[in-house]
PDB file of N, CA and C in Angstrom:
ATOM      1  N   MET A   1      75.126 101.255  29.963  1.00  0.00           N
ATOM      2  CA  MET A   1      75.295 100.530  30.825  1.00  0.00           C
ATOM      3  C   MET A   1      73.904  99.078  30.514  1.00  0.00           C
ATOM      4  N   SER A   2      74.398  97.984  30.731  1.00  0.00           N
ATOM      5  CA  SER A   2      73.946  96.669  30.505  1.00  0.00           C
ATOM      6  C   SER A   2      72.739  96.858  31.617  1.00  0.00           C
ATOM      7  N   GLN A   3      71.698  95.722  30.921  1.00  0.00           N
ATOM      8  CA  GLN A   3      70.575  95.622  31.586  1.00  0.00           C
ATOM      9  C   GLN A   3      71.139  95.134  33.111  1.00  0.00           C
ATOM     10  N   GLY A   4      71.770  94.046  33.312  1.00  0.00           N
ATOM     11  CA  GLY A   4      72.349  93.213  34.148  1.00  0.00           C
ATOM     12  C   GLY A   4      72.756  93.981  35.152  1.00  0.00           C
ATOM     13  N   THR A   5      73.841  94.948  34.917  1.00  0.00           N
ATOM     14  CA  THR A   5      74.510  96.058  35.577  1.00  0.00           C
ATOM     15  C   THR A   5      73.415  96.657  36.229  1.00  0.00           C
ATOM     16  N   GLN A   6      72.162  97.450  35.147  1.00  0.00           N
ATOM     17  CA  GLN A   6      71.630  98.196  35.863  1.00  0.00           C
ATOM     18  C   GLN A   6      70.454  97.612  36.977  1.00  0.00           C
ATOM     19  N   ARG A   7      70.424  96.535  36.558  1.00  0.00           N
ATOM     20  CA  ARG A   7      69.352  95.379  37.337  1.00  0.00           C
ATOM     21  C   ARG A   7      70.135  95.200  38.944  1.00  0.00           C
ATOM     22  N   SER A   8      71.529  94.976  38.863  1.00  0.00           N
ATOM     23  CA  SER A   8      72.227  94.861  40.115  1.00  0.00           C
ATOM     24  C   SER A   8      72.510  96.138  41.323  1.00  0.00           C
ATOM     25  N   ILE A   9      72.583  97.145  40.330  1.00  0.00           N
ATOM     26  CA  ILE A   9      72.643  98.384  41.225  1.00  0.00           C
ATOM     27  C   ILE A   9      71.315  99.023  41.619  1.00  0.00           C
ATOM     28  N   PHE A  10      70.035  98.708  40.873  1.00  0.00           N
ATOM     29  CA  PHE A  10      69.081  98.712  41.602  1.00  0.00           C
ATOM     30  C   PHE A  10      68.838  97.943  42.820  1.00  0.00           C
ATOM     31  N   ARG A  11      68.841  96.773  42.737  1.00  0.00           N
ATOM     32  CA  ARG A  11      68.720  95.498  43.572  1.00  0.00           C
ATOM     33  C   ARG A  11      69.697  95.875  44.996  1.00  0.00           C
ATOM     34  N   TRP A  12      70.720  96.280  45.010  1.00  0.00           N
ATOM     35  CA  TRP A  12      71.443  96.885  45.821  1.00  0.00           C
ATOM     36  C   TRP A  12      71.183  98.328  46.462  1.00  0.00           C
ATOM     37  N   ILE A  13      70.856  99.425  45.736  1.00  0.00           N
ATOM     38  CA  ILE A  13      69.776 100.304  46.844  1.00  0.00           C
ATOM     39  C   ILE A  13      68.631  99.893  47.567  1.00  0.00           C
ATOM     40  N   HIS A  14      67.973  98.957  46.531  1.00  0.00           N
ATOM     41  CA  HIS A  14      66.775  98.272  47.374  1.00  0.00           C
ATOM     42  C   HIS A  14      67.466  97.546  48.750  1.00  0.00           C
ATOM     43  N   ILE A  15      68.294  96.620  48.597  1.00  0.00           N
ATOM     44  CA  ILE A  15      68.503  96.169  49.838  1.00  0.00           C
ATOM     45  C   ILE A  15      69.343  97.389  50.816  1.00  0.00           C
ATOM     46  N   VAL A  16      70.260  98.219  50.554  1.00  0.00           N
ATOM     47  CA  VAL A  16      70.777  99.055  51.333  1.00  0.00           C
ATOM     48  C   VAL A  16      69.537  99.904  52.060  1.00  0.00           C
ATOM     49  N   PHE A  17      68.410 100.300  51.359  1.00  0.00           N
ATOM     50  CA  PHE A  17      67.352 101.227  51.750  1.00  0.00           C
ATOM     51  C   PHE A  17      66.639 100.458  52.648  1.00  0.00           C
ATOM     52  N   ALA A  18      66.603  99.175  52.711  1.00  0.00           N
ATOM     53  CA  ALA A  18      65.870  98.476  53.503  1.00  0.00           C
ATOM     54  C   ALA A  18      66.264  98.172  54.920  1.00  0.00           C
ATOM     55  N   ILE A  19      67.641  98.490  54.865  1.00  0.00           N
ATOM     56  CA  ILE A  19      68.142  98.051  56.351  1.00  0.00           C
ATOM     57  C   ILE A  19      67.758  99.053  57.388  1.00  0.00           C
ATOM     58  N   PRO A  20      67.648 100.549  56.674  1.00  0.00           N
ATOM     59  CA  PRO A  20      67.235 101.529  58.052  1.00  0.00           C
ATOM     60  C   PRO A  20      65.913 101.415  58.181  1.00  0.00           C
ATOM     61  N   ILE A  21      64.751 100.788  57.571  1.00  0.00           N
ATOM     62  CA  ILE A  21      63.289 100.385  57.482  1.00  0.00           C
ATOM     63  C   ILE A  21      63.493  99.046  58.649  1.00  0.00           C
ATOM     64  N   LEU A  22      64.034  98.514  58.514  1.00  0.00           N
ATOM     65  CA  LEU A  22      64.170  97.208  59.451  1.00  0.00           C
ATOM     66  C   LEU A  22      64.436  97.905  60.878  1.00  0.00           C
ATOM     67  N   GLY A  23      65.388  98.697  61.137  1.00  0.00           N
ATOM     68  CA  GLY A  23      65.937  99.474  62.006  1.00  0.00           C
ATOM     69  C   GLY A  23      64.800  99.910  62.758  1.00  0.00           C
ATOM     70  N   TYR A  24      63.941 100.685  61.630  1.00  0.00           N
ATOM     71  CA  TYR A  24      62.940 101.334  62.252  1.00  0.00           C
ATOM     72  C   TYR A  24      61.666 100.724  62.817  1.00  0.00           C
ATOM     73  N   ILE A  25      61.511  99.194  62.438  1.00  0.00           N
ATOM     74  CA  ILE A  25      60.784  98.369  62.550  1.00  0.00           C
ATOM     75  C   ILE A  25      60.866  97.826  64.050  1.00  0.00           C
ATOM     76  N   TYR A  26      62.152  97.342  64.243  1.00  0.00           N
ATOM     77  CA  TYR A  26      62.154  96.937  65.369  1.00  0.00           C
ATOM     78  C   TYR A  26      63.000  97.682  66.267  1.00  0.00           C
ATOM     79  N   SER A  27      62.893  98.878  66.200  1.00  0.00           N
ATOM     80  CA  SER A  27      63.525  99.632  67.418  1.00  0.00           C
ATOM     81  C   SER A  27      62.492 100.003  68.520  1.00  0.00           C
ATOM     82  N   PRO A  28      63.236 100.377  69.446  1.00  0.00           N
ATOM     83  CA  PRO A  28      62.165 100.658  70.492  1.00  0.00           C
ATOM     84  C   PRO A  28      61.458 101.522  70.526  1.00  0.00           C
ATOM     85  N   PHE A  29      60.013 101.582  70.963  1.00  0.00           N
ATOM     86  CA  PHE A  29      58.928 102.774  70.647  1.00  0.00           C
ATOM     87  C   PHE A  29      59.386 104.090  70.739  1.00  0.00           C
ATOM     88  N   GLU A  30      60.035 104.377  72.024  1.00  0.00           N
ATOM     89  CA  GLU A  30      60.587 105.434  72.491  1.00  0.00           C
ATOM     90  C   GLU A  30      61.651 106.173  71.320  1.00  0.00           C
ATOM     91  N   LYS A  31      62.310 105.313  70.995  1.00  0.00           N
ATOM     92  CA  LYS A  31      62.949 106.116  69.493  1.00  0.00           C
ATOM     93  C   LYS A  31      62.593 106.309  68.032  1.00  0.00           C
ATOM     94  N   LEU A  32      61.085 105.895  67.564  1.00  0.00           N
ATOM     95  CA  LEU A  32      60.501 105.591  66.759  1.00  0.00           C
ATOM     96  C   LEU A  32      60.368 107.268  66.252  1.00  0.00           C
ATOM     97  N   PRO A  33      60.012 108.488  67.035  1.00  0.00           N
ATOM     98  CA  PRO A  33      60.201 109.651  66.486  1.00  0.00           C
ATOM     99  C   PRO A  33      61.062 110.199  65.931  1.00  0.00           C
ATOM    100  N   ASP A  34      62.454 109.630  66.375  1.00  0.00           N
ATOM    101  CA  ASP A  34      63.850 110.114  65.579  1.00  0.00           C
ATOM    102  C   ASP A  34      63.873 109.465  64.165  1.00  0.00           C
ATOM    103  N   TYR A  35      63.632 108.454  64.052  1.00  0.00           N
ATOM    104  CA  TYR A  35      63.634 108.034  62.720  1.00  0.00           C
ATOM    105  C   TYR A  35      62.377 108.180  61.697  1.00  0.00           C
ATOM    106  N   ALA A  36      61.336 108.236  62.315  1.00  0.00           N
ATOM    107  CA  ALA A  36      60.220 108.657  61.381  1.00  0.00           C
ATOM    108  C   ALA A  36      60.040 109.356  60.164  1.00  0.00           C
ATOM    109  N   PRO A  37      60.555 110.441  60.413  1.00  0.00           N
ATOM    110  CA  PRO A  37      60.856 111.592  58.850  1.00  0.00           C
ATOM    111  C   PRO A  37      61.571 110.980  58.105  1.00  0.00           C
ATOM    112  N   ALA A  38      62.930 110.680  58.293  1.00  0.00           N
ATOM    113  CA  ALA A  38      63.754 110.094  57.318  1.00  0.00           C
ATOM    114  C   ALA A  38      63.218 108.693  56.778  1.00  0.00           C
ATOM    115  N   THR A  39      62.501 107.900  57.681  1.00  0.00           N
ATOM    116  CA  THR A  39      61.581 106.905  56.871  1.00  0.00           C
ATOM    117  C   THR A  39      60.674 106.883  56.020  1.00  0.00           C
ATOM    118  N   ARG A  40      59.757 107.773  56.294  1.00  0.00           N
ATOM    119  CA  ARG A  40      58.868 108.388  55.595  1.00  0.00           C
ATOM    120  C   ARG A  40      59.136 109.077  54.388  1.00  0.00           C
ATOM    121  N   PHE A  41      60.323 109.798  54.369  1.00  0.00           N
ATOM    122  CA  PHE A  41      60.138 110.853  53.476  1.00  0.00           C
ATOM    123  C   PHE A  41      61.720 110.545  52.015  1.00  0.00           C
ATOM    124  N   VAL A  42      62.477 109.484  52.914  1.00  0.00           N
ATOM    125  CA  VAL A  42      63.580 109.156  51.988  1.00  0.00           C
ATOM    126  C   VAL A  42      63.589 107.855  51.865  1.00  0.00           C
ATOM    127  N   PHE A  43      63.549 106.732  52.911  1.00  0.00           N
ATOM    128  CA  PHE A  43      63.750 105.629  52.646  1.00  0.00           C
ATOM    129  C   PHE A  43      62.792 104.473  52.140  1.00  0.00           C
ATOM    130  N   LEU A  44      61.731 105.030  52.476  1.00  0.00           N
ATOM    131  CA  LEU A  44      60.392 104.441  52.104  1.00  0.00           C
ATOM    132  C   LEU A  44      60.280 104.888  50.377  1.00  0.00           C
ATOM    133  N   PRO A  45      60.313 105.905  50.104  1.00  0.00           N
ATOM    134  CA  PRO A  45      59.980 106.098  48.725  1.00  0.00           C
ATOM    135  C   PRO A  45      61.183 105.368  47.812  1.00  0.00           C
ATOM    136  N   VAL A  46      62.450 105.608  48.609  1.00  0.00           N
ATOM    137  CA  VAL A  46      63.530 105.042  47.179  1.00  0.00           C
ATOM    138  C   VAL A  46      62.835 103.649  47.236  1.00  0.00           C
ATOM    139  N   MET A  47      62.921 102.807  48.299  1.00  0.00           N
ATOM    140  CA  MET A  47      62.251 101.543  48.264  1.00  0.00           C
ATOM    141  C   MET A  47      61.407 101.067  47.269  1.00  0.00           C
ATOM    142  N   VAL A  48      60.036 101.842  47.249  1.00  0.00           N
ATOM    143  CA  VAL A  48      59.175 101.926  46.451  1.00  0.00           C
ATOM    144  C   VAL A  48      59.728 101.769  44.948  1.00  0.00           C
ATOM    145  N   LEU A  49      60.339 103.213  44.635  1.00  0.00           N
ATOM    146  CA  LEU A  49      60.663 103.088  43.495  1.00  0.00           C
ATOM    147  C   LEU A  49      61.685 102.352  42.554  1.00  0.00           C
ATOM    148  N   THR A  50      62.538 101.868  43.697  1.00  0.00           N
ATOM    149  CA  THR A  50      63.696 101.010  42.998  1.00  0.00           C
ATOM    150  C   THR A  50      62.725  99.484  43.160  1.00  0.00           C
ATOM    151  N   GLY A  51      61.751  99.488  43.732  1.00  0.00           N
ATOM    152  CA  GLY A  51      61.107  98.065  43.798  1.00  0.00           C
ATOM    153  C   GLY A  51      60.086  98.305  42.403  1.00  0.00           C
ATOM    154  N   LEU A  52      59.630  99.201  42.016  1.00  0.00           N
ATOM    155  CA  LEU A  52      58.637  99.314  40.873  1.00  0.00           C
ATOM    156  C   LEU A  52      59.534  99.376  39.547  1.00  0.00           C
ATOM    157  N   TRP A  53      60.865 100.014  39.914  1.00  0.00           N
ATOM    158  CA  TRP A  53      61.571  99.822  38.854  1.00  0.00           C
ATOM    159  C   TRP A  53      62.063  98.305  38.307  1.00  0.00           C
ATOM    160  N   MET A  54      62.553  97.527  39.158  1.00  0.00           N
ATOM    161  CA  MET A  54      62.711  96.293  39.060  1.00  0.00           C
ATOM    162  C   MET A  54      61.684  95.305  38.509  1.00  0.00           C
ATOM    163  N   TRP A  55      60.689  95.764  38.933  1.00  0.00           N
ATOM    164  CA  TRP A  55      59.368  94.776  38.898  1.00  0.00           C
ATOM    165  C   TRP A  55      58.746  94.985  37.503  1.00  0.00           C
ATOM    166  N   LYS A  56      58.491  96.768  37.032  1.00  0.00           N
ATOM    167  CA  LYS A  56      57.787  96.835  36.001  1.00  0.00           C
ATOM    168  C   LYS A  56      59.152  98.023  35.362  1.00  0.00           C
ATOM    169  N   GLY A  57      60.071  97.975  35.253  1.00  0.00           N
ATOM    170  CA  GLY A  57      60.786  98.983  34.462  1.00  0.00           C
ATOM    171  C   GLY A  57      60.792  98.294  33.352  1.00  0.00           C
ATOM    172  N   HIS A  58      60.968  97.354  32.471  1.00  0.00           N
ATOM    173  CA  HIS A  58      60.629  97.327  31.192  1.00  0.00           C
ATOM    174  C   HIS A  58      59.770  97.990  30.873  1.00  0.00           C
ATOM    175  N   VAL A  59      58.106  97.937  31.336  1.00  0.00           N
ATOM    176  CA  VAL A  59      57.365  98.618  30.474  1.00  0.00           C
ATOM    177  C   VAL A  59      57.693 100.109  30.805  1.00  0.00           C
ATOM    178  N   LEU A  60      58.349 100.662  31.802  1.00  0.00           N
ATOM    179  CA  LEU A  60      58.739 101.956  31.802  1.00  0.00           C
ATOM    180  C   LEU A  60      59.731 102.321  30.364  1.00  0.00           C
ATOM    181  N   ARG A  61      60.797 101.612  30.256  1.00  0.00           N
ATOM    182  CA  ARG A  61      61.329 101.812  29.295  1.00  0.00           C
ATOM    183  C   ARG A  61      60.998 101.738  28.046  1.00  0.00           C
ATOM    184  N   ARG A  62      60.043 100.786  27.603  1.00  0.00           N
ATOM    185  CA  ARG A  62      59.278 100.876  26.459  1.00  0.00           C
ATOM    186  C   ARG A  62      58.560 102.150  25.923  1.00  0.00           C
ATOM    187  N   LEU A  63      57.964 102.470  27.024  1.00  0.00           N
ATOM    188  CA  LEU A  63      57.239 103.828  26.951  1.00  0.00           C
ATOM    189  C   LEU A  63      57.922 104.794  26.674  1.00  0.00           C
ATOM    190  N   ILE A  64      59.173 105.058  27.630  1.00  0.00           N
ATOM    191  CA  ILE A  64      60.102 106.456  27.048  1.00  0.00           C
ATOM    192  C   ILE A  64      60.944 105.993  25.609  1.00  0.00           C
ATOM    193  N   SER A  65      60.892 104.895  25.438  1.00  0.00           N
ATOM    194  CA  SER A  65      61.584 105.040  23.777  1.00  0.00           C
ATOM    195  C   SER A  65      60.432 105.268  22.778  1.00  0.00           C
ATOM    196  N   LYS A  66      59.236 104.741  23.417  1.00  0.00           N
ATOM    197  CA  LYS A  66      58.432 105.126  22.283  1.00  0.00           C
ATOM    198  C   LYS A  66      57.946 106.718  22.190  1.00  0.00           C
ATOM    199  N   ARG A  67      58.386 107.387  23.215  1.00  0.00           N
ATOM    200  CA  ARG A  67      57.856 108.865  23.445  1.00  0.00           C
ATOM    201  C   ARG A  67      58.803 109.904  22.535  1.00  0.00           C
ATOM    202  N   SER A  68      60.035 109.064  22.778  1.00  0.00           N
ATOM    203  CA  SER A  68      61.468 109.781  22.261  1.00  0.00           C
ATOM    204  C   SER A  68      61.453 109.734  20.494  1.00  0.00           C
ATOM    205  N   ALA A  69      60.779 108.493  20.145  1.00  0.00           N
ATOM    206  CA  ALA A  69      61.100 108.192  18.726  1.00  0.00           C
ATOM    207  C   ALA A  69      60.356 109.278  17.793  1.00  0.00           C
TER     208      ALA A  69
END
């Protein structure tokens, strides 16, 4: 898989998982307990991981390639 394709996939995952977080932020206060577990344990960690991968993925790939060699 090329770097451009991989970056595009992570970008779209990041965007799609941001939509429920925006819904959580702008939803009425009474409905927050319904969305809280999914937001805390699914959407936010995926957002953080994809964001870090897009930001510092080159460092992680370099560490993985050195370790396997």
